[in-house]
Structures are given as C-alpha cells and as structure tokens.
Protein backbone atom coordinates (compact mmCIF):
# COMPACT_ATOMS: atom_id res chain seq x y z
CA SER A 1 107.70 118.45 116.77
CA THR A 2 105.79 115.00 117.35
CA PRO A 3 107.89 111.68 117.82
CA ASP A 4 107.04 108.81 115.09
CA TYR A 5 105.68 106.72 117.85
CA VAL A 6 103.11 109.22 118.83
CA VAL A 7 101.94 109.57 115.14
CA LEU A 8 101.89 105.79 114.61
CA HIS A 9 99.89 105.20 118.04
CA ASN A 10 96.80 103.64 117.52
CA PHE A 11 97.54 102.63 114.00
CA GLY A 12 97.59 106.59 113.12
CA ARG A 13 94.59 107.84 115.45
CA VAL A 14 95.85 111.24 114.86
CA PHE A 15 95.23 111.28 111.25
CA ARG A 16 91.52 110.47 111.89
CA ASP A 17 89.01 113.27 112.23
CA PHE A 18 88.68 114.73 115.49
CA PRO A 19 85.63 116.32 117.26
CA ASP A 20 85.67 120.28 116.96
CA GLY A 21 87.83 121.72 119.76
CA PHE A 22 90.45 118.99 119.81
CA ASP A 23 93.85 120.39 119.10
CA THR A 24 96.38 118.10 117.61
CA PHE A 25 99.07 120.62 118.66
CA LYS A 26 99.03 119.29 122.11
CA LEU A 27 100.53 116.42 120.97
CA SER A 28 103.88 118.03 119.60
CA ASP A 29 106.85 119.29 121.76
CA THR A 30 109.52 122.32 121.38
CA THR A 31 112.52 120.81 119.20
CA HIS A 32 115.98 122.27 118.11
CA LYS A 33 116.11 119.76 114.97
CA LEU A 34 113.64 117.57 112.96
CA HIS A 35 114.80 114.36 111.88
CA VAL A 36 111.73 113.52 109.72
CA PHE A 37 109.22 116.17 108.39
CA ILE A 38 105.80 114.70 107.71
CA SER A 39 103.21 116.52 105.68
CA HIS A 40 100.01 114.97 104.78
CA ASN A 41 96.79 115.32 102.76
CA TRP A 42 93.26 115.22 104.98
CA ALA A 43 91.69 114.26 102.10
CA THR A 44 93.89 110.67 102.23
CA GLY A 45 92.45 107.90 104.29
CA ARG A 46 93.83 107.15 107.75
CA PHE A 47 94.86 103.68 106.83
CA ILE A 48 97.13 104.55 103.58
CA LYS A 49 98.76 107.33 105.49
CA PHE A 50 99.48 104.82 108.45
CA MET A 51 100.75 102.27 106.32
CA ALA A 52 103.09 104.49 104.45
CA LEU A 53 104.38 105.72 107.55
CA VAL A 54 104.94 102.38 108.87
CA PHE A 55 106.72 100.93 105.92
CA HIS A 56 108.99 104.07 105.98
CA PHE A 57 110.05 103.75 109.37
CA ASN A 58 109.84 99.89 110.25
CA HIS A 59 110.59 97.91 106.97
CA ASN A 60 114.26 97.70 107.55
CA SER A 61 113.95 96.20 110.81
CA ALA A 62 110.79 94.18 109.85
CA SER A 63 112.68 92.67 106.99
CA ILE A 64 115.80 91.63 109.13
CA ALA A 65 113.62 90.20 112.15
CA ALA A 66 111.57 88.08 109.16
CA ALA A 67 114.95 86.88 107.68
CA ILE A 68 116.24 85.82 111.08
CA ALA A 69 112.96 84.03 112.01
CA TYR A 70 112.82 82.28 108.84
CA ILE A 71 116.25 81.00 109.13
CA VAL A 72 116.08 80.08 112.90
CA THR A 73 112.68 78.29 112.30
CA VAL A 74 114.20 76.08 109.47
CA LEU A 75 117.53 75.47 111.25
CA LEU A 76 115.32 74.16 114.35
CA VAL A 77 112.79 71.95 112.21
CA MET A 78 116.09 70.48 110.50
CA LEU A 79 117.88 70.00 113.91
CA SER A 80 114.68 68.20 115.26
CA ALA A 81 114.58 65.92 112.09
CA LYS A 82 118.18 64.57 112.14
CA ASP A 83 117.10 61.14 113.21
CA ILE A 84 114.43 60.79 110.59
CA ASP A 85 115.42 58.77 107.26
CA VAL A 86 116.74 60.63 104.61
CA GLU A 87 113.87 60.04 102.41
CA ASP A 88 111.38 61.11 105.42
CA ARG A 89 113.32 64.11 105.57
CA VAL A 90 112.82 65.24 101.75
CA ASN A 91 109.08 64.71 102.11
CA ASP A 92 109.21 67.04 105.15
CA LEU A 93 111.04 69.67 103.37
CA TYR A 94 107.84 71.10 101.61
CA SER A 95 106.13 71.42 104.98
CA THR A 96 109.50 72.93 106.70
CA CYS A 97 109.51 75.18 103.83
CA HIS A 98 105.97 76.81 104.46
CA LEU A 99 106.44 76.60 108.36
CA GLY A 100 109.39 78.75 107.72
CA THR A 101 107.51 81.14 105.30
CA ALA A 102 104.50 81.49 107.56
CA MET A 103 106.91 82.43 110.48
CA CYS A 104 108.63 84.89 108.40
CA LEU A 105 105.43 86.97 107.17
CA ALA A 106 103.98 86.54 110.63
CA THR A 107 107.55 88.40 112.19
CA TYR A 108 107.31 90.78 109.27
CA TRP A 109 104.00 91.94 109.76
CA LEU A 110 104.22 91.74 113.65
CA CYS A 111 107.34 94.08 113.43
CA LEU A 112 106.04 96.20 110.63
CA LEU A 113 102.42 97.32 112.79
CA PHE A 114 104.10 97.16 116.21
C-alpha cells in the first residue's frame, strides 16, 4: 500500500508517465490493512485524478478551516471598526463581506491543495 500523502505529493506526480524502467511499486510498503483502495485509469489526466483525490481526502478539513477563517476575519474587522460611526460601519459592511469571502476562499484552496 502507499500512503495518501505519497500519492498526492507533487500534485499527483505518481500518476504521470514515468520513464521506462521506473517501478512505482517501490513507493509502496507492506501493510495488514487498507483504509482506502485507489484504482485509476491511465487514460485519465493526472490533474483530474489529483483533484478527485484531493477533494476526497481534504474537502471536510478545508471547509471547516475556511468557515473559521471567514468568521475570524469578519469578527476582527468588526472589532477594529467599533469606534466608527454607525453609518460608516454600514458602508464598510460591503468591503468586510468581500474580505471575509476572499479569506474563506484562500484558506479553502490552501487547505485543499496542501
């Protein structure tokens, strides 16, 4: 078996075409139990395989991290704006939401891919 971090290393490099004589079997170890079995089609591109596995293994943790990043960003902006007039705070709400969304998306993709 091969651990998921080995399969996903270098953006799924293990799925690319290797030169003749390279044995991918060297990447695996003996095991007594399989947690996940990954089968793939050599005709499918490396990027598609990598993204499917990344979503399978990392989506839940990336979603949680993104939600936390959004909440923390919005709270920090709201706390820093507590001395601003109410009218100005309403005007800043638009940019606050976009900042939170940007942090959410950046955190999600970083956690998903790495």
